[in-house]
Amino acid sequence: MPVPDPVRLYRLTHLDNLKLLLTRGALHAPNSAPADGMQYHTIHDPSIQAFRHERRIPCGPCGFVHDYLPFYLGPLSPMLYKLYKGGVDGYSEGQEPLIYLIAWADEIAESGKDFVFSDGHGIAAFTQWFDDLADLEKLDWPLILGREWYDTVEDNDRKRRKQAEFLVHGDLPWSMIKGIAAINHEVAARVQEELKQFPDQYKPPVRVIPQWYYQG
């Protein structure tokens, strides 16, 4: 499978965070979050975040994973499945209030923003890291964009490869979000209402894309 054109980047966040992002006018890496007193509604596994805080990046501007704003390279991540099934400590709301913020890899590169990307989960010891878009061809695109990612006897590395990441160093302006996806029309309407509260802020298109969520 060739590298998609454009290469979409998928960031999951809770709907409650939309006001914060619009107020700040940007998305920020954990280590670059402004000290403005605003509370981010986290959906992440605390134990995984502890590892990411200490995981070094070997290329690009280097540093640590938490110096970067993370995106997945495809929908239906194992993390979303874990949230859907109530497997994350401190989170019990399921997938309905979670929205996708979409960006394009090419546009980020052309903007001059520093970035890196991986061929699998960011904390796996044998995950490879890259800082040149030409290396996107080394990723497992059928798996990244597919619905099935469970490890099998024949291939016990599928789950890691599914979780390939694209990391943007520091922050990303809100204006570089190309679209917002929601699980249903009710959530999409809530997104639209939140956007209306910021008349001077850029408004990306909002779409209902249930196939980017787990069913049943």
N, C-alpha and C. Protein backbone atom coordinates (compact mmCIF):
# COMPACT_ATOMS: atom_id res chain seq x y z
N MET A 1 0.85 -1.20 0.00
CA MET A 1 0.00 0.00 0.00
C MET A 1 0.88 1.25 0.00
N PRO A 2 0.66 2.18 -0.92
CA PRO A 2 1.48 3.40 -0.94
C PRO A 2 1.16 4.32 0.24
N VAL A 3 2.05 5.25 0.49
CA VAL A 3 1.81 6.23 1.54
C VAL A 3 0.59 7.07 1.16
N PRO A 4 -0.38 7.25 2.05
CA PRO A 4 -1.57 8.04 1.72
C PRO A 4 -1.21 9.48 1.35
N ASP A 5 -2.05 10.08 0.54
CA ASP A 5 -1.86 11.48 0.14
C ASP A 5 -3.21 12.19 0.24
N PRO A 6 -3.40 13.07 1.23
CA PRO A 6 -2.43 13.48 2.24
C PRO A 6 -2.31 12.46 3.37
N VAL A 7 -1.24 12.58 4.13
CA VAL A 7 -1.09 11.78 5.34
C VAL A 7 -1.84 12.49 6.46
N ARG A 8 -2.97 11.91 6.86
CA ARG A 8 -3.76 12.50 7.94
C ARG A 8 -3.18 12.11 9.29
N LEU A 9 -3.27 13.04 10.22
CA LEU A 9 -2.86 12.81 11.59
C LEU A 9 -4.08 12.91 12.49
N TYR A 10 -4.21 12.00 13.43
CA TYR A 10 -5.41 11.86 14.25
C TYR A 10 -5.07 12.06 15.72
N ARG A 11 -5.62 13.11 16.32
CA ARG A 11 -5.43 13.30 17.76
C ARG A 11 -6.78 13.18 18.46
N LEU A 12 -6.86 12.26 19.40
CA LEU A 12 -8.06 12.09 20.20
C LEU A 12 -8.02 13.02 21.41
N THR A 13 -9.14 13.67 21.69
CA THR A 13 -9.24 14.47 22.89
C THR A 13 -10.68 14.47 23.37
N HIS A 14 -10.86 14.80 24.62
CA HIS A 14 -12.21 14.88 25.17
C HIS A 14 -12.87 16.17 24.72
N LEU A 15 -14.16 16.09 24.45
CA LEU A 15 -14.90 17.28 24.02
C LEU A 15 -14.73 18.44 25.00
N ASP A 16 -14.60 18.14 26.28
CA ASP A 16 -14.44 19.19 27.29
C ASP A 16 -13.19 20.03 27.08
N ASN A 17 -12.22 19.51 26.32
CA ASN A 17 -10.97 20.25 26.09
C ASN A 17 -11.07 21.28 24.98
N LEU A 18 -12.16 21.27 24.24
CA LEU A 18 -12.26 22.15 23.08
C LEU A 18 -12.20 23.62 23.49
N LYS A 19 -12.88 23.99 24.56
CA LYS A 19 -12.85 25.38 25.02
C LYS A 19 -11.43 25.81 25.37
N LEU A 20 -10.69 24.93 26.04
CA LEU A 20 -9.31 25.22 26.42
C LEU A 20 -8.45 25.44 25.17
N LEU A 21 -8.59 24.57 24.18
CA LEU A 21 -7.78 24.67 22.97
C LEU A 21 -8.10 25.93 22.19
N LEU A 22 -9.38 26.27 22.11
CA LEU A 22 -9.78 27.48 21.39
C LEU A 22 -9.33 28.74 22.13
N THR A 23 -9.36 28.70 23.44
CA THR A 23 -8.90 29.85 24.23
C THR A 23 -7.41 30.07 24.03
N ARG A 24 -6.66 28.99 24.04
CA ARG A 24 -5.21 29.09 23.87
C ARG A 24 -4.82 29.34 22.41
N GLY A 25 -5.67 28.90 21.49
CA GLY A 25 -5.36 29.06 20.08
C GLY A 25 -4.30 28.11 19.57
N ALA A 26 -4.08 27.03 20.33
CA ALA A 26 -3.05 26.07 19.94
C ALA A 26 -3.21 24.80 20.76
N LEU A 27 -2.59 23.74 20.26
CA LEU A 27 -2.44 22.50 20.99
C LEU A 27 -1.00 22.43 21.48
N HIS A 28 -0.80 21.98 22.71
CA HIS A 28 0.53 22.00 23.30
C HIS A 28 0.98 20.62 23.76
N ALA A 29 2.28 20.37 23.64
CA ALA A 29 2.89 19.18 24.23
C ALA A 29 2.81 19.29 25.75
N PRO A 30 2.82 18.16 26.46
CA PRO A 30 2.75 18.23 27.92
C PRO A 30 3.80 19.14 28.55
N ASN A 31 5.02 19.12 28.03
CA ASN A 31 6.08 19.95 28.60
C ASN A 31 6.05 21.40 28.14
N SER A 32 5.09 21.74 27.27
CA SER A 32 4.96 23.11 26.77
C SER A 32 3.63 23.75 27.13
N ALA A 33 2.82 23.07 27.94
CA ALA A 33 1.50 23.59 28.29
C ALA A 33 1.62 24.91 29.05
N PRO A 34 0.86 25.94 28.66
CA PRO A 34 0.93 27.23 29.36
C PRO A 34 0.49 27.11 30.82
N ALA A 35 1.10 27.90 31.66
CA ALA A 35 0.73 27.94 33.08
C ALA A 35 -0.40 28.95 33.26
N ASP A 36 -1.58 28.63 32.67
CA ASP A 36 -2.70 29.56 32.69
C ASP A 36 -3.82 29.13 33.63
N GLY A 37 -3.58 28.04 34.35
CA GLY A 37 -4.56 27.57 35.31
C GLY A 37 -5.70 26.76 34.71
N MET A 38 -5.73 26.63 33.39
CA MET A 38 -6.80 25.87 32.75
C MET A 38 -6.54 24.37 32.91
N GLN A 39 -7.59 23.62 33.21
CA GLN A 39 -7.47 22.20 33.50
C GLN A 39 -7.77 21.35 32.28
N TYR A 40 -6.81 20.55 31.86
CA TYR A 40 -6.99 19.67 30.70
C TYR A 40 -7.67 18.38 31.16
N HIS A 41 -8.71 17.96 30.46
CA HIS A 41 -9.43 16.73 30.77
C HIS A 41 -8.67 15.56 30.16
N THR A 42 -7.88 14.89 30.97
CA THR A 42 -7.01 13.84 30.44
C THR A 42 -7.78 12.55 30.20
N ILE A 43 -7.37 11.82 29.18
CA ILE A 43 -7.96 10.52 28.87
C ILE A 43 -6.87 9.45 28.84
N HIS A 44 -5.67 9.79 29.29
CA HIS A 44 -4.52 8.91 29.12
C HIS A 44 -4.29 8.00 30.32
N ASP A 45 -3.66 6.87 30.03
CA ASP A 45 -3.29 5.92 31.07
C ASP A 45 -2.11 6.49 31.86
N PRO A 46 -2.27 6.72 33.17
CA PRO A 46 -1.18 7.33 33.96
C PRO A 46 0.13 6.55 33.90
N SER A 47 0.05 5.23 33.89
CA SER A 47 1.28 4.43 33.88
C SER A 47 2.03 4.58 32.57
N ILE A 48 1.31 4.66 31.44
CA ILE A 48 1.94 4.87 30.14
C ILE A 48 2.56 6.26 30.07
N GLN A 49 1.86 7.25 30.61
CA GLN A 49 2.38 8.62 30.58
C GLN A 49 3.68 8.75 31.36
N ALA A 50 3.82 8.00 32.42
CA ALA A 50 5.06 8.04 33.19
C ALA A 50 6.24 7.55 32.34
N PHE A 51 6.01 6.51 31.55
CA PHE A 51 7.06 6.02 30.66
C PHE A 51 7.36 7.05 29.57
N ARG A 52 6.32 7.66 29.01
CA ARG A 52 6.52 8.63 27.94
C ARG A 52 7.29 9.86 28.43
N HIS A 53 7.11 10.20 29.69
CA HIS A 53 7.81 11.36 30.26
C HIS A 53 9.33 11.15 30.23
N GLU A 54 9.75 9.89 30.30
CA GLU A 54 11.19 9.59 30.38
C GLU A 54 11.76 9.03 29.08
N ARG A 55 10.90 8.78 28.09
CA ARG A 55 11.37 8.16 26.84
C ARG A 55 12.04 9.20 25.95
N ARG A 56 13.29 8.95 25.61
CA ARG A 56 14.07 9.88 24.79
C ARG A 56 13.78 9.68 23.30
N ILE A 57 13.81 10.77 22.56
CA ILE A 57 13.65 10.75 21.10
C ILE A 57 15.05 10.85 20.48
N PRO A 58 15.42 9.91 19.58
CA PRO A 58 16.79 9.87 19.09
C PRO A 58 17.07 10.69 17.84
N CYS A 59 16.10 11.41 17.30
CA CYS A 59 16.33 12.15 16.07
C CYS A 59 15.55 13.46 16.12
N GLY A 60 15.58 14.22 15.01
CA GLY A 60 14.91 15.52 15.01
C GLY A 60 15.49 16.41 16.09
N PRO A 61 14.66 17.17 16.80
CA PRO A 61 15.16 18.01 17.89
C PRO A 61 15.44 17.23 19.17
N CYS A 62 15.26 15.91 19.13
CA CYS A 62 15.53 15.02 20.27
C CYS A 62 14.65 15.38 21.47
N GLY A 63 15.22 15.32 22.68
CA GLY A 63 14.42 15.56 23.87
C GLY A 63 13.65 14.31 24.28
N PHE A 64 12.49 14.53 24.91
CA PHE A 64 11.66 13.45 25.42
C PHE A 64 10.30 13.45 24.72
N VAL A 65 9.59 12.32 24.81
CA VAL A 65 8.28 12.23 24.15
C VAL A 65 7.36 13.35 24.60
N HIS A 66 7.40 13.71 25.88
CA HIS A 66 6.51 14.75 26.39
C HIS A 66 6.90 16.16 25.97
N ASP A 67 7.98 16.27 25.20
CA ASP A 67 8.31 17.56 24.57
C ASP A 67 7.52 17.74 23.27
N TYR A 68 6.72 16.74 22.91
CA TYR A 68 6.02 16.72 21.63
C TYR A 68 4.51 16.53 21.82
N LEU A 69 3.76 17.05 20.86
CA LEU A 69 2.32 16.85 20.79
C LEU A 69 2.07 15.61 19.93
N PRO A 70 1.45 14.56 20.47
CA PRO A 70 1.32 13.31 19.73
C PRO A 70 0.04 13.20 18.91
N PHE A 71 0.18 12.62 17.74
CA PHE A 71 -0.93 12.23 16.89
C PHE A 71 -0.73 10.77 16.49
N TYR A 72 -1.83 10.07 16.27
CA TYR A 72 -1.75 8.78 15.59
C TYR A 72 -1.80 9.03 14.09
N LEU A 73 -1.41 7.99 13.34
CA LEU A 73 -1.43 8.07 11.88
C LEU A 73 -2.66 7.38 11.28
N GLY A 74 -3.51 6.87 12.14
CA GLY A 74 -4.75 6.25 11.68
C GLY A 74 -5.77 6.24 12.81
N PRO A 75 -7.04 5.96 12.50
CA PRO A 75 -8.08 5.90 13.51
C PRO A 75 -8.10 4.53 14.19
N LEU A 76 -9.06 4.33 15.09
CA LEU A 76 -9.30 3.03 15.74
C LEU A 76 -8.05 2.51 16.45
N SER A 77 -7.44 3.36 17.23
CA SER A 77 -6.24 2.97 17.97
C SER A 77 -6.57 2.00 19.10
N PRO A 78 -5.61 1.18 19.51
CA PRO A 78 -5.80 0.36 20.71
C PRO A 78 -6.11 1.21 21.95
N MET A 79 -5.59 2.44 22.01
CA MET A 79 -5.91 3.31 23.14
C MET A 79 -7.40 3.63 23.17
N LEU A 80 -7.99 3.93 22.00
CA LEU A 80 -9.42 4.20 21.95
C LEU A 80 -10.20 2.97 22.39
N TYR A 81 -9.77 1.79 21.98
CA TYR A 81 -10.46 0.56 22.38
C TYR A 81 -10.41 0.40 23.90
N LYS A 82 -9.27 0.70 24.49
CA LYS A 82 -9.12 0.60 25.94
C LYS A 82 -10.04 1.59 26.66
N LEU A 83 -10.15 2.80 26.13
CA LEU A 83 -11.08 3.78 26.70
C LEU A 83 -12.53 3.32 26.53
N TYR A 84 -12.83 2.76 25.39
CA TYR A 84 -14.17 2.25 25.07
C TYR A 84 -14.58 1.16 26.07
N LYS A 85 -13.63 0.32 26.44
CA LYS A 85 -13.91 -0.81 27.31
C LYS A 85 -13.71 -0.50 28.79
N GLY A 86 -13.40 0.77 29.12
CA GLY A 86 -13.23 1.15 30.52
C GLY A 86 -11.95 0.64 31.13
N GLY A 87 -10.91 0.51 30.33
CA GLY A 87 -9.66 -0.05 30.81
C GLY A 87 -8.61 0.95 31.25
N VAL A 88 -8.99 2.24 31.34
CA VAL A 88 -8.03 3.28 31.75
C VAL A 88 -8.42 3.80 33.13
N ASP A 89 -7.51 3.70 34.08
CA ASP A 89 -7.78 4.16 35.44
C ASP A 89 -8.19 5.63 35.44
N GLY A 90 -9.29 5.92 36.12
CA GLY A 90 -9.75 7.30 36.25
C GLY A 90 -10.62 7.79 35.12
N TYR A 91 -10.88 6.93 34.13
CA TYR A 91 -11.73 7.35 33.02
C TYR A 91 -12.84 6.31 32.81
N SER A 92 -14.10 6.76 32.77
CA SER A 92 -15.22 5.82 32.66
C SER A 92 -16.33 6.34 31.74
N GLU A 93 -16.01 7.27 30.84
CA GLU A 93 -17.03 7.90 30.00
C GLU A 93 -17.20 7.25 28.64
N GLY A 94 -16.39 6.24 28.33
CA GLY A 94 -16.50 5.60 27.03
C GLY A 94 -15.96 6.48 25.91
N GLN A 95 -16.32 6.11 24.66
CA GLN A 95 -15.75 6.81 23.51
C GLN A 95 -16.63 7.94 22.98
N GLU A 96 -17.89 8.03 23.41
CA GLU A 96 -18.80 9.01 22.82
C GLU A 96 -18.31 10.45 22.94
N PRO A 97 -17.79 10.90 24.12
CA PRO A 97 -17.37 12.30 24.20
C PRO A 97 -15.98 12.57 23.62
N LEU A 98 -15.38 11.59 22.97
CA LEU A 98 -14.05 11.76 22.40
C LEU A 98 -14.16 12.19 20.95
N ILE A 99 -13.40 13.20 20.59
CA ILE A 99 -13.40 13.71 19.22
C ILE A 99 -12.01 13.60 18.62
N TYR A 100 -11.97 13.52 17.30
CA TYR A 100 -10.70 13.51 16.57
C TYR A 100 -10.39 14.91 16.06
N LEU A 101 -9.17 15.36 16.29
CA LEU A 101 -8.66 16.58 15.67
C LEU A 101 -7.69 16.14 14.57
N ILE A 102 -7.94 16.57 13.35
CA ILE A 102 -7.18 16.09 12.20
C ILE A 102 -6.23 17.16 11.68
N ALA A 103 -4.99 16.75 11.43
CA ALA A 103 -4.00 17.63 10.80
C ALA A 103 -3.36 16.87 9.65
N TRP A 104 -2.56 17.56 8.85
CA TRP A 104 -1.88 16.94 7.71
C TRP A 104 -0.38 17.02 7.92
N ALA A 105 0.28 15.88 7.74
CA ALA A 105 1.72 15.81 7.95
C ALA A 105 2.48 16.75 7.01
N ASP A 106 2.09 16.77 5.75
CA ASP A 106 2.80 17.61 4.77
C ASP A 106 2.73 19.09 5.16
N GLU A 107 1.56 19.52 5.60
CA GLU A 107 1.40 20.93 5.97
C GLU A 107 2.25 21.29 7.18
N ILE A 108 2.35 20.37 8.13
CA ILE A 108 3.19 20.61 9.30
C ILE A 108 4.66 20.74 8.88
N ALA A 109 5.10 19.84 8.00
CA ALA A 109 6.48 19.90 7.53
C ALA A 109 6.75 21.19 6.77
N GLU A 110 5.81 21.59 5.92
CA GLU A 110 5.99 22.81 5.13
C GLU A 110 5.98 24.07 5.99
N SER A 111 5.34 23.99 7.15
CA SER A 111 5.27 25.15 8.04
C SER A 111 6.59 25.40 8.77
N GLY A 112 7.49 24.43 8.72
CA GLY A 112 8.76 24.57 9.42
C GLY A 112 8.74 24.02 10.83
N LYS A 113 7.59 23.48 11.26
CA LYS A 113 7.54 22.89 12.59
C LYS A 113 8.42 21.64 12.65
N ASP A 114 9.14 21.47 13.77
CA ASP A 114 9.92 20.25 13.96
C ASP A 114 9.00 19.10 14.29
N PHE A 115 9.34 17.92 13.79
CA PHE A 115 8.51 16.74 14.04
C PHE A 115 9.37 15.48 13.96
N VAL A 116 8.84 14.41 14.51
CA VAL A 116 9.40 13.07 14.33
C VAL A 116 8.21 12.13 14.20
N PHE A 117 8.46 10.92 13.72
CA PHE A 117 7.40 9.92 13.71
C PHE A 117 8.02 8.54 13.90
N SER A 118 7.18 7.59 14.27
CA SER A 118 7.66 6.26 14.62
C SER A 118 6.98 5.20 13.76
N ASP A 119 7.54 3.99 13.81
CA ASP A 119 6.91 2.87 13.11
C ASP A 119 6.08 2.01 14.05
N GLY A 120 5.86 2.51 15.28
CA GLY A 120 5.07 1.76 16.25
C GLY A 120 4.91 2.53 17.54
N HIS A 121 4.42 1.86 18.55
CA HIS A 121 4.16 2.51 19.84
C HIS A 121 5.41 3.21 20.37
N GLY A 122 5.22 4.41 20.90
CA GLY A 122 6.34 5.26 21.27
C GLY A 122 7.21 4.78 22.40
N ILE A 123 6.71 3.89 23.27
CA ILE A 123 7.55 3.45 24.39
C ILE A 123 8.12 2.05 24.17
N ALA A 124 7.81 1.41 23.06
CA ALA A 124 8.39 0.09 22.79
C ALA A 124 9.88 0.24 22.49
N ALA A 125 10.68 -0.63 23.07
CA ALA A 125 12.14 -0.49 22.99
C ALA A 125 12.65 -0.56 21.56
N PHE A 126 12.02 -1.38 20.70
CA PHE A 126 12.54 -1.56 19.35
C PHE A 126 11.80 -0.73 18.31
N THR A 127 10.98 0.21 18.74
CA THR A 127 10.34 1.14 17.81
C THR A 127 11.40 2.03 17.17
N GLN A 128 11.28 2.25 15.86
CA GLN A 128 12.21 3.08 15.12
C GLN A 128 11.62 4.48 14.95
N TRP A 129 12.49 5.50 14.99
CA TRP A 129 12.06 6.89 14.87
C TRP A 129 12.68 7.53 13.64
N PHE A 130 11.94 8.48 13.04
CA PHE A 130 12.37 9.15 11.81
C PHE A 130 12.02 10.63 11.89
N ASP A 131 12.72 11.44 11.08
CA ASP A 131 12.40 12.87 11.01
C ASP A 131 12.35 13.38 9.57
N ASP A 132 12.18 12.44 8.62
CA ASP A 132 12.11 12.78 7.20
C ASP A 132 10.85 12.11 6.63
N LEU A 133 9.95 12.91 6.03
CA LEU A 133 8.70 12.34 5.50
C LEU A 133 8.94 11.25 4.47
N ALA A 134 10.10 11.23 3.85
CA ALA A 134 10.39 10.17 2.88
C ALA A 134 10.35 8.79 3.53
N ASP A 135 10.58 8.75 4.84
CA ASP A 135 10.59 7.47 5.55
C ASP A 135 9.19 6.99 5.93
N LEU A 136 8.16 7.74 5.59
CA LEU A 136 6.80 7.27 5.86
C LEU A 136 6.50 5.96 5.14
N GLU A 137 7.23 5.69 4.05
CA GLU A 137 7.02 4.45 3.31
C GLU A 137 7.41 3.21 4.12
N LYS A 138 8.14 3.40 5.22
CA LYS A 138 8.59 2.28 6.05
C LYS A 138 7.52 1.83 7.05
N LEU A 139 6.41 2.55 7.12
CA LEU A 139 5.35 2.21 8.06
C LEU A 139 4.38 1.20 7.46
N ASP A 140 3.69 0.47 8.32
CA ASP A 140 2.74 -0.56 7.90
C ASP A 140 1.37 0.08 7.70
N TRP A 141 1.15 0.70 6.55
CA TRP A 141 -0.07 1.46 6.31
C TRP A 141 -1.35 0.64 6.29
N PRO A 142 -1.38 -0.56 5.70
CA PRO A 142 -2.61 -1.35 5.77
C PRO A 142 -3.06 -1.61 7.21
N LEU A 143 -2.11 -1.87 8.09
CA LEU A 143 -2.43 -2.10 9.50
C LEU A 143 -2.83 -0.80 10.20
N ILE A 144 -2.07 0.27 9.96
CA ILE A 144 -2.34 1.56 10.61
C ILE A 144 -3.73 2.07 10.26
N LEU A 145 -4.17 1.89 9.02
CA LEU A 145 -5.46 2.40 8.57
C LEU A 145 -6.59 1.38 8.68
N GLY A 146 -6.25 0.14 9.05
CA GLY A 146 -7.24 -0.91 9.12
C GLY A 146 -7.97 -0.98 10.46
N ARG A 147 -8.97 -1.85 10.52
CA ARG A 147 -9.78 -2.02 11.73
C ARG A 147 -9.21 -3.09 12.65
N GLU A 148 -8.49 -4.06 12.12
CA GLU A 148 -8.00 -5.19 12.90
C GLU A 148 -6.52 -5.00 13.23
N TRP A 149 -6.18 -5.16 14.51
CA TRP A 149 -4.79 -4.94 14.90
C TRP A 149 -4.31 -5.92 15.98
N TYR A 150 -5.12 -6.88 16.34
CA TYR A 150 -4.71 -7.81 17.39
C TYR A 150 -3.50 -8.63 16.95
N ASP A 151 -2.60 -8.88 17.90
CA ASP A 151 -1.47 -9.76 17.63
C ASP A 151 -1.97 -11.17 17.33
N THR A 152 -1.26 -11.86 16.46
CA THR A 152 -1.59 -13.24 16.11
C THR A 152 -0.37 -14.12 16.32
N VAL A 153 -0.56 -15.42 16.23
CA VAL A 153 0.56 -16.35 16.35
C VAL A 153 1.57 -16.09 15.24
N GLU A 154 1.06 -15.79 14.05
CA GLU A 154 1.93 -15.55 12.90
C GLU A 154 2.63 -14.18 12.97
N ASP A 155 2.00 -13.22 13.65
CA ASP A 155 2.54 -11.86 13.71
C ASP A 155 2.18 -11.25 15.07
N ASN A 156 3.10 -11.32 16.00
CA ASN A 156 2.82 -10.82 17.36
C ASN A 156 3.31 -9.39 17.57
N ASP A 157 3.48 -8.64 16.46
CA ASP A 157 3.92 -7.25 16.54
C ASP A 157 2.89 -6.30 15.94
N ARG A 158 1.68 -6.79 15.69
CA ARG A 158 0.67 -5.97 15.01
C ARG A 158 0.21 -4.79 15.88
N LYS A 159 -0.05 -5.04 17.14
CA LYS A 159 -0.54 -3.98 18.02
C LYS A 159 0.46 -2.83 18.13
N ARG A 160 1.75 -3.15 18.21
CA ARG A 160 2.77 -2.10 18.28
C ARG A 160 2.78 -1.28 17.00
N ARG A 161 2.77 -1.94 15.84
CA ARG A 161 2.85 -1.22 14.57
C ARG A 161 1.61 -0.38 14.31
N LYS A 162 0.45 -0.85 14.76
CA LYS A 162 -0.79 -0.08 14.60
C LYS A 162 -0.66 1.29 15.26
N GLN A 163 0.12 1.37 16.34
CA GLN A 163 0.20 2.59 17.14
C GLN A 163 1.35 3.51 16.73
N ALA A 164 1.71 3.48 15.45
CA ALA A 164 2.71 4.43 14.94
C ALA A 164 2.26 5.86 15.26
N GLU A 165 3.20 6.70 15.61
CA GLU A 165 2.89 8.06 16.07
C GLU A 165 3.59 9.11 15.23
N PHE A 166 2.98 10.27 15.16
CA PHE A 166 3.58 11.46 14.56
C PHE A 166 3.60 12.53 15.65
N LEU A 167 4.80 12.98 16.01
CA LEU A 167 4.96 13.92 17.13
C LEU A 167 5.41 15.29 16.63
N VAL A 168 4.70 16.31 17.05
CA VAL A 168 5.03 17.69 16.69
C VAL A 168 5.70 18.35 17.88
N HIS A 169 6.86 18.92 17.66
CA HIS A 169 7.61 19.49 18.76
C HIS A 169 6.97 20.77 19.29
N GLY A 170 6.76 20.81 20.59
CA GLY A 170 6.29 22.03 21.24
C GLY A 170 4.79 22.24 21.18
N ASP A 171 4.33 22.80 20.08
CA ASP A 171 2.90 23.12 19.96
C ASP A 171 2.49 23.17 18.49
N LEU A 172 1.19 23.23 18.28
CA LEU A 172 0.65 23.34 16.93
C LEU A 172 -0.47 24.36 16.94
N PRO A 173 -0.41 25.40 16.07
CA PRO A 173 -1.48 26.39 16.04
C PRO A 173 -2.83 25.74 15.73
N TRP A 174 -3.87 26.25 16.36
CA TRP A 174 -5.21 25.73 16.10
C TRP A 174 -5.57 25.83 14.62
N SER A 175 -5.05 26.82 13.93
CA SER A 175 -5.36 27.04 12.51
C SER A 175 -4.88 25.89 11.62
N MET A 176 -4.03 25.00 12.16
CA MET A 176 -3.53 23.88 11.37
C MET A 176 -4.36 22.61 11.56
N ILE A 177 -5.43 22.71 12.34
CA ILE A 177 -6.37 21.60 12.45
C ILE A 177 -7.30 21.65 11.24
N LYS A 178 -7.28 20.61 10.44
CA LYS A 178 -8.02 20.60 9.17
C LYS A 178 -9.47 20.15 9.33
N GLY A 179 -9.79 19.47 10.41
CA GLY A 179 -11.15 19.00 10.61
C GLY A 179 -11.33 18.38 11.97
N ILE A 180 -12.59 18.21 12.36
CA ILE A 180 -12.95 17.58 13.63
C ILE A 180 -13.96 16.47 13.30
N ALA A 181 -13.76 15.29 13.88
CA ALA A 181 -14.68 14.17 13.66
C ALA A 181 -15.31 13.76 14.98
N ALA A 182 -16.60 13.42 14.92
CA ALA A 182 -17.35 12.99 16.10
C ALA A 182 -18.05 11.68 15.81
N ILE A 183 -18.46 10.99 16.87
CA ILE A 183 -19.07 9.68 16.74
C ILE A 183 -20.51 9.76 16.25
N ASN A 184 -21.21 10.86 16.56
CA ASN A 184 -22.62 10.98 16.18
C ASN A 184 -23.00 12.45 16.02
N HIS A 185 -24.23 12.69 15.60
CA HIS A 185 -24.66 14.06 15.32
C HIS A 185 -24.83 14.88 16.60
N GLU A 186 -25.15 14.23 17.70
CA GLU A 186 -25.30 14.96 18.96
C GLU A 186 -23.97 15.56 19.41
N VAL A 187 -22.92 14.75 19.35
CA VAL A 187 -21.60 15.26 19.73
C VAL A 187 -21.13 16.31 18.74
N ALA A 188 -21.37 16.09 17.44
CA ALA A 188 -20.98 17.08 16.43
C ALA A 188 -21.68 18.42 16.68
N ALA A 189 -22.94 18.37 17.10
CA ALA A 189 -23.68 19.61 17.40
C ALA A 189 -23.07 20.33 18.59
N ARG A 190 -22.61 19.56 19.58
CA ARG A 190 -21.96 20.18 20.74
C ARG A 190 -20.64 20.83 20.34
N VAL A 191 -19.92 20.20 19.42
CA VAL A 191 -18.68 20.79 18.91
C VAL A 191 -18.99 22.11 18.20
N GLN A 192 -20.01 22.11 17.36
CA GLN A 192 -20.39 23.32 16.63
C GLN A 192 -20.78 24.45 17.59
N GLU A 193 -21.51 24.11 18.63
CA GLU A 193 -21.90 25.13 19.61
C GLU A 193 -20.68 25.71 20.31
N GLU A 194 -19.70 24.87 20.62
CA GLU A 194 -18.48 25.36 21.27
C GLU A 194 -17.71 26.28 20.32
N LEU A 195 -17.64 25.92 19.06
CA LEU A 195 -16.94 26.75 18.08
C LEU A 195 -17.61 28.12 17.94
N LYS A 196 -18.94 28.16 18.06
CA LYS A 196 -19.66 29.42 17.93
C LYS A 196 -19.31 30.40 19.06
N GLN A 197 -18.84 29.87 20.18
CA GLN A 197 -18.49 30.73 21.31
C GLN A 197 -17.18 31.50 21.06
N PHE A 198 -16.51 31.17 19.97
CA PHE A 198 -15.24 31.82 19.63
C PHE A 198 -15.34 32.37 18.20
N PRO A 199 -16.08 33.43 18.01
CA PRO A 199 -16.35 33.94 16.65
C PRO A 199 -15.10 34.39 15.90
N ASP A 200 -14.05 34.75 16.62
CA ASP A 200 -12.84 35.21 15.95
C ASP A 200 -11.84 34.09 15.68
N GLN A 201 -12.17 32.88 16.12
CA GLN A 201 -11.25 31.76 15.97
C GLN A 201 -11.58 30.96 14.71
N TYR A 202 -10.55 30.44 14.09
CA TYR A 202 -10.73 29.58 12.91
C TYR A 202 -11.64 28.40 13.24
N LYS A 203 -12.53 28.05 12.31
CA LYS A 203 -13.48 26.97 12.53
C LYS A 203 -13.29 25.87 11.48
N PRO A 204 -12.65 24.78 11.85
CA PRO A 204 -12.51 23.67 10.91
C PRO A 204 -13.84 22.98 10.69
N PRO A 205 -14.00 22.30 9.57
CA PRO A 205 -15.25 21.55 9.33
C PRO A 205 -15.41 20.43 10.36
N VAL A 206 -16.67 20.17 10.72
CA VAL A 206 -17.01 19.12 11.70
C VAL A 206 -17.80 18.05 10.97
N ARG A 207 -17.38 16.79 11.10
CA ARG A 207 -18.06 15.69 10.41
C ARG A 207 -18.35 14.55 11.39
N VAL A 208 -19.41 13.84 11.11
CA VAL A 208 -19.76 12.63 11.86
C VAL A 208 -19.16 11.45 11.11
N ILE A 209 -18.24 10.73 11.76
CA ILE A 209 -17.56 9.60 11.12
C ILE A 209 -17.57 8.42 12.09
N PRO A 210 -18.69 7.72 12.20
CA PRO A 210 -18.80 6.63 13.18
C PRO A 210 -17.84 5.48 12.92
N GLN A 211 -17.38 5.33 11.67
CA GLN A 211 -16.46 4.21 11.37
C GLN A 211 -15.07 4.41 11.98
N TRP A 212 -14.81 5.58 12.52
CA TRP A 212 -13.56 5.80 13.24
C TRP A 212 -13.66 5.44 14.72
N TYR A 213 -14.78 4.85 15.09
CA TYR A 213 -15.03 4.42 16.48
C TYR A 213 -15.38 2.94 16.49
N TYR A 214 -15.28 2.35 17.67
CA TYR A 214 -15.60 0.93 17.81
C TYR A 214 -17.11 0.75 17.93
N GLN A 215 -17.60 -0.32 17.35
CA GLN A 215 -19.04 -0.57 17.30
C GLN A 215 -19.39 -1.80 18.15
N GLY A 216 -20.63 -1.80 18.67
CA GLY A 216 -21.11 -2.97 19.38
C GLY A 216 -20.70 -3.02 20.84
